[in-house]
Amino acid sequence: MTISFDDFLKVDIRVARITRAEPFPEARKPAIKLWLDLGDLGERKSSAQITRHYAPETLIGKQVLCVVNFPPRQIGPVRSEVLVLGVPDAEGEVVLIRPDLDVPNGGRLY
């Protein structure tokens, strides 16, 4: 399916810095709770099923890409406000998408 560039721009993908990360034992599948600094957009929360490759303490300070204009979702006791983006490795485990250089928090992907 082909989409227009205007369709692509409807998905608001931003850079965020992880400021806090904690285990999320209440989740149905192993996950980590994340707090993300989106610069002028403020702090948002999310959860991600990334426990295979990441421990909470290793995520602090890392930048990731996330979709900020999906409606919030309740995941157990956590209200997920953004979708953190990743791609599956060869075994289907999520690997986070990150900029390879430090960029301003809240910067938009074009």
Protein backbone atom coordinates (compact mmCIF):
# COMPACT_ATOMS: atom_id res chain seq x y z
CA MET A 1 0.00 0.00 0.00
CA THR A 2 1.34 3.41 -0.96
CA ILE A 3 0.65 6.47 1.19
CA SER A 4 1.22 10.15 0.58
CA PHE A 5 3.79 12.24 2.40
CA ASP A 6 0.89 14.07 4.07
CA ASP A 7 -0.29 10.71 5.45
CA PHE A 8 3.20 10.06 6.83
CA LEU A 9 3.22 13.47 8.54
CA LYS A 10 0.07 12.54 10.46
CA VAL A 11 2.22 10.20 12.57
CA ASP A 12 4.09 12.46 15.00
CA ILE A 13 7.38 10.68 15.78
CA ARG A 14 9.64 12.45 18.29
CA VAL A 15 12.93 11.92 20.10
CA ALA A 16 12.69 11.41 23.86
CA ARG A 17 15.27 10.82 26.57
CA ILE A 18 14.54 8.11 29.11
CA THR A 19 14.73 9.75 32.55
CA ARG A 20 13.45 6.85 34.64
CA ALA A 21 12.89 3.13 34.04
CA GLU A 22 11.46 0.48 36.35
CA PRO A 23 10.46 -3.18 36.09
CA PHE A 24 6.77 -3.68 35.29
CA PRO A 25 5.90 -7.00 36.97
CA GLU A 26 2.12 -6.40 36.63
CA ALA A 27 2.30 -6.55 32.81
CA ARG A 28 1.03 -9.71 31.07
CA LYS A 29 4.34 -10.02 29.18
CA PRO A 30 7.67 -8.92 30.71
CA ALA A 31 7.99 -5.15 30.29
CA ILE A 32 9.66 -2.02 31.61
CA LYS A 33 7.91 1.20 32.69
CA LEU A 34 9.50 4.28 31.12
CA TRP A 35 9.40 8.01 31.83
CA LEU A 36 10.40 10.05 28.78
CA ASP A 37 11.52 13.68 28.46
CA LEU A 38 10.11 15.11 25.23
CA GLY A 39 11.52 18.62 25.65
CA ASP A 40 8.78 21.24 25.09
CA LEU A 41 6.16 18.47 25.01
CA GLY A 42 6.96 17.58 28.63
CA GLU A 43 7.33 14.21 30.29
CA ARG A 44 5.30 11.21 29.16
CA LYS A 45 5.03 7.63 30.40
CA SER A 46 5.07 4.38 28.50
CA SER A 47 5.79 0.70 28.90
CA ALA A 48 7.77 -1.47 26.54
CA GLN A 49 8.32 -5.19 26.16
CA ILE A 50 12.09 -4.84 25.89
CA THR A 51 13.34 -6.95 28.80
CA ARG A 52 15.27 -9.39 26.60
CA HIS A 53 17.85 -6.78 25.53
CA TYR A 54 17.54 -4.06 28.18
CA ALA A 55 17.59 -3.73 31.96
CA PRO A 56 15.94 -0.64 33.48
CA GLU A 57 19.21 0.76 34.85
CA THR A 58 20.86 0.63 31.40
CA LEU A 59 18.15 2.76 29.78
CA ILE A 60 18.51 5.95 31.84
CA GLY A 61 19.79 8.79 29.65
CA LYS A 62 19.28 6.98 26.34
CA GLN A 63 17.33 8.65 23.56
CA VAL A 64 14.60 6.75 21.72
CA LEU A 65 11.99 7.46 19.05
CA CYS A 66 8.32 7.40 19.95
CA VAL A 67 4.90 8.20 18.49
CA VAL A 68 3.31 10.97 20.53
CA ASN A 69 -0.09 11.40 18.86
CA PHE A 70 -1.72 8.01 19.48
CA PRO A 71 -4.43 8.06 22.17
CA PRO A 72 -3.23 6.95 25.63
CA ARG A 73 -3.69 3.27 26.52
CA GLN A 74 -4.20 1.76 29.93
CA ILE A 75 -1.79 -1.15 30.43
CA GLY A 76 -2.53 -2.56 33.86
CA PRO A 77 -1.83 0.22 36.35
CA VAL A 78 0.20 2.25 33.80
CA ARG A 79 -1.32 4.81 31.44
CA SER A 80 0.90 4.58 28.37
CA GLU A 81 1.01 8.03 26.73
CA VAL A 82 3.43 7.34 23.86
CA LEU A 83 4.47 4.36 21.75
CA VAL A 84 8.21 3.73 21.99
CA LEU A 85 9.45 2.39 18.64
CA GLY A 86 11.53 -0.69 18.02
CA VAL A 87 12.12 -3.45 15.51
CA PRO A 88 12.32 -7.19 16.11
CA ASP A 89 15.65 -8.97 16.08
CA ALA A 90 16.07 -12.45 14.49
CA GLU A 91 14.20 -14.04 17.43
CA GLY A 92 11.38 -11.47 17.44
CA GLU A 93 12.63 -9.55 20.50
CA VAL A 94 12.32 -5.76 20.37
CA VAL A 95 15.39 -3.59 19.73
CA LEU A 96 14.83 0.12 20.34
CA ILE A 97 15.17 2.66 17.53
CA ARG A 98 17.55 5.41 18.63
CA PRO A 99 19.40 8.31 17.01
CA ASP A 100 23.11 7.57 16.64
CA LEU A 101 24.01 11.10 17.80
CA ASP A 102 22.56 13.16 20.65
CA VAL A 103 19.76 15.43 19.38
CA PRO A 104 17.34 17.79 21.16
CA ASN A 105 14.57 16.07 23.09
CA GLY A 106 11.25 16.54 21.34
CA GLY A 107 12.82 16.76 17.88
CA ARG A 108 10.48 15.51 15.17
CA LEU A 109 11.31 12.80 12.65
CA TYR A 110 10.77 13.91 9.04
